[in-house]
């Protein structure tokens, strides 16, 4: 069975799986999420349908805004969680927690900021074959 014959995943599955917005089958990234060697590399085009992922040079620079928003949301979530779990957390607990969680979640935040940016701004329409 070829890639074209497989059932087309839904939008949520395609977003979570980092799939092509046009066919929802081809991968956006050449390496797994926690591969720090090529963390920011995006495939130039879809291996299944041939759609080009970057419509213009430096297209994914706009994803920095989404990455920033994800980092702020993570920071606020950690602050709220620490205030709920501990009576009076020390400043170093705040700083340490934010640094650890940012480092651990950095690959996910970088990847999904690009995925969300491509799906939201990329103007690539889904075409279920």
N, C-alpha and C. Protein backbone atom coordinates (compact mmCIF):
# COMPACT_ATOMS: atom_id res chain seq x y z
N UNK A 1 0.84 -1.18 0.00
CA UNK A 1 0.00 0.00 0.00
C UNK A 1 0.88 1.24 0.00
N UNK A 2 0.64 2.17 -0.88
CA UNK A 2 1.44 3.40 -0.96
C UNK A 2 0.92 4.43 0.03
N UNK A 3 1.66 5.51 0.18
CA UNK A 3 1.26 6.58 1.11
C UNK A 3 -0.04 7.24 0.69
N UNK A 4 -0.31 7.28 -0.61
CA UNK A 4 -1.52 7.92 -1.12
C UNK A 4 -2.76 7.10 -0.75
N UNK A 5 -2.62 5.78 -0.62
CA UNK A 5 -3.76 4.91 -0.34
C UNK A 5 -4.18 4.91 1.12
N UNK A 6 -3.37 5.42 2.01
CA UNK A 6 -3.70 5.41 3.43
C UNK A 6 -4.80 6.42 3.73
N UNK A 7 -5.51 6.16 4.83
CA UNK A 7 -6.56 7.08 5.25
C UNK A 7 -5.95 8.41 5.67
N UNK A 8 -6.62 9.49 5.33
CA UNK A 8 -6.12 10.84 5.62
C UNK A 8 -6.40 11.16 7.09
N UNK A 9 -5.37 11.56 7.85
CA UNK A 9 -5.60 11.94 9.25
C UNK A 9 -6.37 13.25 9.36
N UNK A 10 -7.02 13.44 10.49
CA UNK A 10 -7.75 14.67 10.75
C UNK A 10 -6.79 15.82 11.03
N UNK A 11 -7.34 17.02 11.16
CA UNK A 11 -6.53 18.21 11.38
C UNK A 11 -5.73 18.11 12.68
N UNK A 12 -6.37 17.69 13.75
CA UNK A 12 -5.67 17.59 15.04
C UNK A 12 -4.55 16.58 14.98
N UNK A 13 -4.80 15.43 14.38
CA UNK A 13 -3.75 14.41 14.24
C UNK A 13 -2.61 14.91 13.38
N UNK A 14 -2.92 15.64 12.34
CA UNK A 14 -1.88 16.19 11.46
C UNK A 14 -1.04 17.24 12.19
N UNK A 15 -1.68 18.07 12.99
CA UNK A 15 -0.94 19.07 13.76
C UNK A 15 -0.03 18.41 14.79
N UNK A 16 -0.57 17.47 15.54
CA UNK A 16 0.22 16.80 16.57
C UNK A 16 1.35 15.99 15.95
N UNK A 17 1.07 15.36 14.81
CA UNK A 17 2.07 14.55 14.14
C UNK A 17 3.03 15.33 13.27
N UNK A 18 2.87 16.66 13.21
CA UNK A 18 3.72 17.54 12.39
C UNK A 18 3.72 17.09 10.93
N UNK A 19 2.54 16.99 10.37
CA UNK A 19 2.37 16.54 8.99
C UNK A 19 2.10 17.71 8.06
N UNK A 20 2.26 17.47 6.79
CA UNK A 20 2.04 18.45 5.73
C UNK A 20 0.60 18.98 5.79
N UNK A 21 0.40 20.30 5.72
CA UNK A 21 -0.96 20.85 5.76
C UNK A 21 -1.78 20.52 4.51
N UNK A 22 -1.13 20.22 3.41
CA UNK A 22 -1.86 19.95 2.17
C UNK A 22 -2.39 18.52 2.11
N UNK A 23 -1.52 17.53 2.37
CA UNK A 23 -1.96 16.13 2.26
C UNK A 23 -2.12 15.45 3.62
N UNK A 24 -1.55 16.04 4.66
CA UNK A 24 -1.59 15.53 6.03
C UNK A 24 -0.94 14.16 6.18
N UNK A 25 -0.02 13.84 5.27
CA UNK A 25 0.68 12.55 5.33
C UNK A 25 2.19 12.72 5.45
N UNK A 26 2.77 13.62 4.68
CA UNK A 26 4.22 13.82 4.69
C UNK A 26 4.68 14.57 5.92
N UNK A 27 5.87 14.25 6.40
CA UNK A 27 6.41 14.89 7.59
C UNK A 27 7.01 16.26 7.29
N UNK A 28 6.86 17.18 8.25
CA UNK A 28 7.44 18.51 8.10
C UNK A 28 8.92 18.53 8.45
N UNK A 29 9.35 17.62 9.31
CA UNK A 29 10.71 17.64 9.82
C UNK A 29 11.46 16.37 9.43
N UNK A 30 12.76 16.48 9.13
CA UNK A 30 13.54 15.31 8.70
C UNK A 30 14.02 14.43 9.85
N UNK A 31 13.97 14.92 11.08
CA UNK A 31 14.47 14.17 12.24
C UNK A 31 13.41 14.15 13.34
N UNK A 32 13.51 13.22 14.30
CA UNK A 32 12.56 13.16 15.41
C UNK A 32 12.61 14.43 16.27
N UNK A 33 11.59 14.62 17.09
CA UNK A 33 11.45 15.84 17.89
C UNK A 33 12.65 16.10 18.79
N UNK A 34 13.14 15.09 19.49
CA UNK A 34 14.22 15.32 20.43
C UNK A 34 15.60 15.07 19.83
N UNK A 35 15.74 15.31 18.55
CA UNK A 35 17.05 15.26 17.92
C UNK A 35 17.61 16.68 17.92
N UNK A 36 18.58 16.93 18.79
CA UNK A 36 19.09 18.28 18.94
C UNK A 36 20.05 18.68 17.82
N UNK A 37 20.43 17.73 16.95
CA UNK A 37 21.37 18.04 15.89
C UNK A 37 20.75 18.95 14.83
N UNK A 38 19.54 18.66 14.42
CA UNK A 38 18.87 19.46 13.38
C UNK A 38 17.53 19.93 13.92
N UNK A 39 17.57 20.59 15.05
CA UNK A 39 16.37 20.96 15.78
C UNK A 39 15.47 21.91 14.99
N UNK A 40 16.06 22.82 14.26
CA UNK A 40 15.26 23.84 13.58
C UNK A 40 15.07 23.58 12.08
N UNK A 41 15.56 22.46 11.57
CA UNK A 41 15.48 22.18 10.14
C UNK A 41 14.08 21.70 9.76
N UNK A 42 13.52 22.32 8.73
CA UNK A 42 12.23 21.93 8.17
C UNK A 42 12.48 21.40 6.76
N UNK A 43 11.78 20.32 6.39
CA UNK A 43 11.90 19.83 5.03
C UNK A 43 11.51 20.93 4.04
N UNK A 44 12.17 20.96 2.89
CA UNK A 44 11.86 21.98 1.88
C UNK A 44 10.50 21.73 1.23
N UNK A 45 10.18 20.45 1.04
CA UNK A 45 8.89 20.11 0.45
C UNK A 45 8.40 18.77 0.98
N UNK A 46 7.13 18.52 0.79
CA UNK A 46 6.51 17.28 1.26
C UNK A 46 6.97 16.11 0.40
N UNK A 47 7.33 15.02 1.05
CA UNK A 47 7.78 13.83 0.33
C UNK A 47 6.61 13.10 -0.33
N UNK A 48 5.38 13.37 0.10
CA UNK A 48 4.21 12.68 -0.44
C UNK A 48 3.57 13.46 -1.59
N UNK A 49 3.25 14.75 -1.35
CA UNK A 49 2.52 15.52 -2.36
C UNK A 49 3.38 16.56 -3.08
N UNK A 50 4.59 16.82 -2.58
CA UNK A 50 5.48 17.77 -3.23
C UNK A 50 5.23 19.23 -2.89
N UNK A 51 4.33 19.51 -1.96
CA UNK A 51 4.05 20.90 -1.56
C UNK A 51 5.30 21.53 -0.94
N UNK A 52 5.57 22.77 -1.33
CA UNK A 52 6.71 23.49 -0.78
C UNK A 52 6.29 24.14 0.54
N UNK A 53 7.07 23.90 1.60
CA UNK A 53 6.69 24.36 2.93
C UNK A 53 7.03 25.82 3.20
N UNK A 54 8.07 26.34 2.62
CA UNK A 54 8.44 27.74 2.83
C UNK A 54 8.13 28.53 1.57
N UNK A 55 7.01 29.27 1.55
CA UNK A 55 6.63 29.99 0.34
C UNK A 55 7.57 31.14 -0.01
N UNK A 56 8.38 31.58 0.95
CA UNK A 56 9.33 32.66 0.70
C UNK A 56 10.55 32.45 1.59
N UNK A 57 11.67 33.05 1.25
CA UNK A 57 12.87 32.91 2.10
C UNK A 57 12.59 33.45 3.51
N UNK A 58 13.14 32.79 4.50
CA UNK A 58 13.01 33.19 5.91
C UNK A 58 11.56 33.22 6.37
N UNK A 59 10.71 32.40 5.78
CA UNK A 59 9.29 32.34 6.13
C UNK A 59 9.08 32.03 7.61
N UNK A 60 9.85 31.11 8.15
CA UNK A 60 9.61 30.62 9.51
C UNK A 60 10.12 31.57 10.61
N UNK A 61 10.67 32.73 10.25
CA UNK A 61 11.05 33.71 11.27
C UNK A 61 9.83 34.18 12.05
N UNK A 62 8.69 34.20 11.41
CA UNK A 62 7.45 34.61 12.09
C UNK A 62 7.04 33.65 13.19
N UNK A 63 7.53 32.42 13.12
CA UNK A 63 7.20 31.43 14.15
C UNK A 63 7.83 31.79 15.50
N UNK A 64 8.78 32.72 15.48
CA UNK A 64 9.39 33.16 16.74
C UNK A 64 8.35 33.79 17.66
N UNK A 65 7.36 34.46 17.10
CA UNK A 65 6.32 35.08 17.91
C UNK A 65 5.48 34.01 18.61
N UNK A 66 5.19 32.94 17.91
CA UNK A 66 4.44 31.84 18.51
C UNK A 66 5.28 31.15 19.57
N UNK A 67 6.56 30.95 19.29
CA UNK A 67 7.47 30.35 20.27
C UNK A 67 7.56 31.21 21.53
N UNK A 68 7.61 32.51 21.35
CA UNK A 68 7.63 33.42 22.49
C UNK A 68 6.35 33.29 23.31
N UNK A 69 5.20 33.24 22.63
CA UNK A 69 3.92 33.09 23.33
C UNK A 69 3.86 31.77 24.10
N UNK A 70 4.39 30.70 23.50
CA UNK A 70 4.43 29.41 24.21
C UNK A 70 5.33 29.48 25.43
N UNK A 71 6.44 30.18 25.33
CA UNK A 71 7.35 30.33 26.48
C UNK A 71 6.70 31.14 27.59
N UNK A 72 5.99 32.19 27.24
CA UNK A 72 5.29 32.99 28.25
C UNK A 72 4.20 32.17 28.92
N UNK A 73 3.46 31.40 28.13
CA UNK A 73 2.41 30.55 28.70
C UNK A 73 3.01 29.51 29.64
N UNK A 74 4.15 28.95 29.27
CA UNK A 74 4.83 27.99 30.14
C UNK A 74 5.28 28.66 31.43
N UNK A 75 5.86 29.84 31.33
CA UNK A 75 6.32 30.60 32.49
C UNK A 75 5.16 30.88 33.45
N UNK A 76 4.05 31.36 32.93
CA UNK A 76 2.88 31.66 33.77
C UNK A 76 2.32 30.39 34.39
N UNK A 77 2.25 29.31 33.62
CA UNK A 77 1.75 28.04 34.16
C UNK A 77 2.61 27.53 35.30
N UNK A 78 3.92 27.64 35.15
CA UNK A 78 4.82 27.20 36.22
C UNK A 78 4.65 28.07 37.45
N UNK A 79 4.54 29.36 37.27
CA UNK A 79 4.34 30.26 38.41
C UNK A 79 3.05 29.93 39.17
N UNK A 80 1.97 29.73 38.43
CA UNK A 80 0.70 29.39 39.07
C UNK A 80 0.79 28.05 39.78
N UNK A 81 1.38 27.05 39.13
CA UNK A 81 1.51 25.72 39.74
C UNK A 81 2.34 25.78 41.02
N UNK A 82 3.43 26.50 40.99
CA UNK A 82 4.28 26.61 42.19
C UNK A 82 3.55 27.33 43.33
N UNK A 83 2.78 28.35 43.00
CA UNK A 83 2.03 29.07 44.03
C UNK A 83 0.91 28.23 44.61
N UNK A 84 0.35 27.32 43.81
CA UNK A 84 -0.70 26.44 44.31
C UNK A 84 -0.10 25.31 45.14
N UNK A 85 1.03 24.75 44.69
CA UNK A 85 1.63 23.59 45.37
C UNK A 85 2.41 23.95 46.63
N UNK A 86 3.01 25.12 46.67
CA UNK A 86 3.84 25.52 47.81
C UNK A 86 3.27 26.79 48.44
N UNK A 87 3.43 26.90 49.74
CA UNK A 87 2.89 28.05 50.46
C UNK A 87 3.63 29.34 50.09
N UNK A 88 4.95 29.31 50.17
CA UNK A 88 5.75 30.49 49.84
C UNK A 88 7.04 30.02 49.15
N UNK A 89 6.96 29.75 47.82
CA UNK A 89 8.14 29.22 47.13
C UNK A 89 9.28 30.23 47.07
N UNK A 90 10.48 29.73 47.17
CA UNK A 90 11.67 30.58 47.09
C UNK A 90 11.89 31.03 45.65
N UNK A 91 12.58 32.15 45.50
CA UNK A 91 12.86 32.69 44.17
C UNK A 91 13.65 31.69 43.32
N UNK A 92 14.60 31.01 43.93
CA UNK A 92 15.41 30.04 43.18
C UNK A 92 14.58 28.87 42.68
N UNK A 93 13.51 28.51 43.38
CA UNK A 93 12.61 27.46 42.90
C UNK A 93 11.89 27.92 41.63
N UNK A 94 11.45 29.18 41.62
CA UNK A 94 10.84 29.75 40.42
C UNK A 94 11.83 29.70 39.25
N UNK A 95 12.99 30.25 39.47
CA UNK A 95 13.99 30.36 38.40
C UNK A 95 14.42 28.97 37.92
N UNK A 96 14.71 28.09 38.85
CA UNK A 96 15.13 26.73 38.48
C UNK A 96 14.07 25.98 37.71
N UNK A 97 12.82 26.09 38.16
CA UNK A 97 11.72 25.39 37.48
C UNK A 97 11.53 25.92 36.06
N UNK A 98 11.56 27.23 35.91
CA UNK A 98 11.38 27.82 34.58
C UNK A 98 12.51 27.39 33.65
N UNK A 99 13.74 27.43 34.13
CA UNK A 99 14.88 27.04 33.30
C UNK A 99 14.79 25.57 32.91
N UNK A 100 14.51 24.69 33.87
CA UNK A 100 14.45 23.25 33.58
C UNK A 100 13.34 22.94 32.59
N UNK A 101 12.14 23.47 32.83
CA UNK A 101 11.03 23.18 31.92
C UNK A 101 11.24 23.79 30.54
N UNK A 102 11.84 24.96 30.46
CA UNK A 102 12.14 25.54 29.14
C UNK A 102 13.14 24.70 28.37
N UNK A 103 14.16 24.20 29.04
CA UNK A 103 15.15 23.37 28.36
C UNK A 103 14.53 22.05 27.91
N UNK A 104 13.72 21.44 28.79
CA UNK A 104 13.09 20.17 28.44
C UNK A 104 12.07 20.31 27.30
N UNK A 105 11.34 21.40 27.30
CA UNK A 105 10.28 21.58 26.31
C UNK A 105 10.69 22.42 25.11
N UNK A 106 11.94 22.86 25.07
CA UNK A 106 12.42 23.67 23.95
C UNK A 106 12.20 23.00 22.59
N UNK A 107 12.57 21.73 22.42
CA UNK A 107 12.35 21.11 21.10
C UNK A 107 10.88 21.11 20.70
N UNK A 108 10.00 20.81 21.64
CA UNK A 108 8.57 20.80 21.32
C UNK A 108 8.06 22.20 20.98
N UNK A 109 8.47 23.18 21.75
CA UNK A 109 8.00 24.55 21.49
C UNK A 109 8.51 25.07 20.15
N UNK A 110 9.76 24.78 19.81
CA UNK A 110 10.30 25.22 18.51
C UNK A 110 9.57 24.54 17.36
N UNK A 111 9.38 23.24 17.49
CA UNK A 111 8.70 22.50 16.43
C UNK A 111 7.26 22.96 16.24
N UNK A 112 6.51 22.98 17.36
CA UNK A 112 5.10 23.30 17.23
C UNK A 112 4.85 24.76 16.90
N UNK A 113 5.77 25.64 17.21
CA UNK A 113 5.59 27.03 16.78
C UNK A 113 5.67 27.09 15.25
N UNK A 114 6.57 26.31 14.66
CA UNK A 114 6.67 26.28 13.19
C UNK A 114 5.45 25.61 12.56
N UNK A 115 4.99 24.53 13.19
CA UNK A 115 3.80 23.84 12.67
C UNK A 115 2.59 24.77 12.72
N UNK A 116 2.37 25.41 13.86
CA UNK A 116 1.23 26.32 14.00
C UNK A 116 1.33 27.50 13.04
N UNK A 117 2.53 28.01 12.87
CA UNK A 117 2.73 29.14 11.95
C UNK A 117 2.44 28.71 10.50
N UNK A 118 2.93 27.55 10.11
CA UNK A 118 2.69 27.07 8.75
C UNK A 118 1.21 26.82 8.51
N UNK A 119 0.54 26.19 9.47
CA UNK A 119 -0.89 25.93 9.31
C UNK A 119 -1.71 27.22 9.34
N UNK A 120 -1.30 28.18 10.16
CA UNK A 120 -2.09 29.40 10.30
C UNK A 120 -1.81 30.46 9.26
N UNK A 121 -0.55 30.62 8.86
CA UNK A 121 -0.16 31.72 7.98
C UNK A 121 0.29 31.23 6.60
N UNK A 122 0.59 29.95 6.49
CA UNK A 122 1.18 29.41 5.27
C UNK A 122 0.30 29.39 4.05
N UNK A 123 -0.99 29.57 4.21
CA UNK A 123 -1.94 29.59 3.09
C UNK A 123 -1.88 28.32 2.23
N UNK A 124 -1.59 27.22 2.87
CA UNK A 124 -1.61 25.93 2.17
C UNK A 124 -2.94 25.28 2.47
N UNK A 125 -3.72 25.04 1.46
CA UNK A 125 -5.05 24.46 1.63
C UNK A 125 -4.98 22.94 1.61
N UNK A 126 -5.79 22.31 2.46
CA UNK A 126 -5.86 20.86 2.51
C UNK A 126 -6.57 20.33 1.27
N UNK A 127 -5.96 19.31 0.70
CA UNK A 127 -6.55 18.62 -0.45
C UNK A 127 -6.50 17.13 -0.19
N UNK A 128 -7.58 16.58 0.30
CA UNK A 128 -7.64 15.13 0.55
C UNK A 128 -7.79 14.39 -0.75
N UNK A 129 -6.81 13.62 -1.09
CA UNK A 129 -6.82 12.92 -2.39
C UNK A 129 -7.71 11.74 -2.37
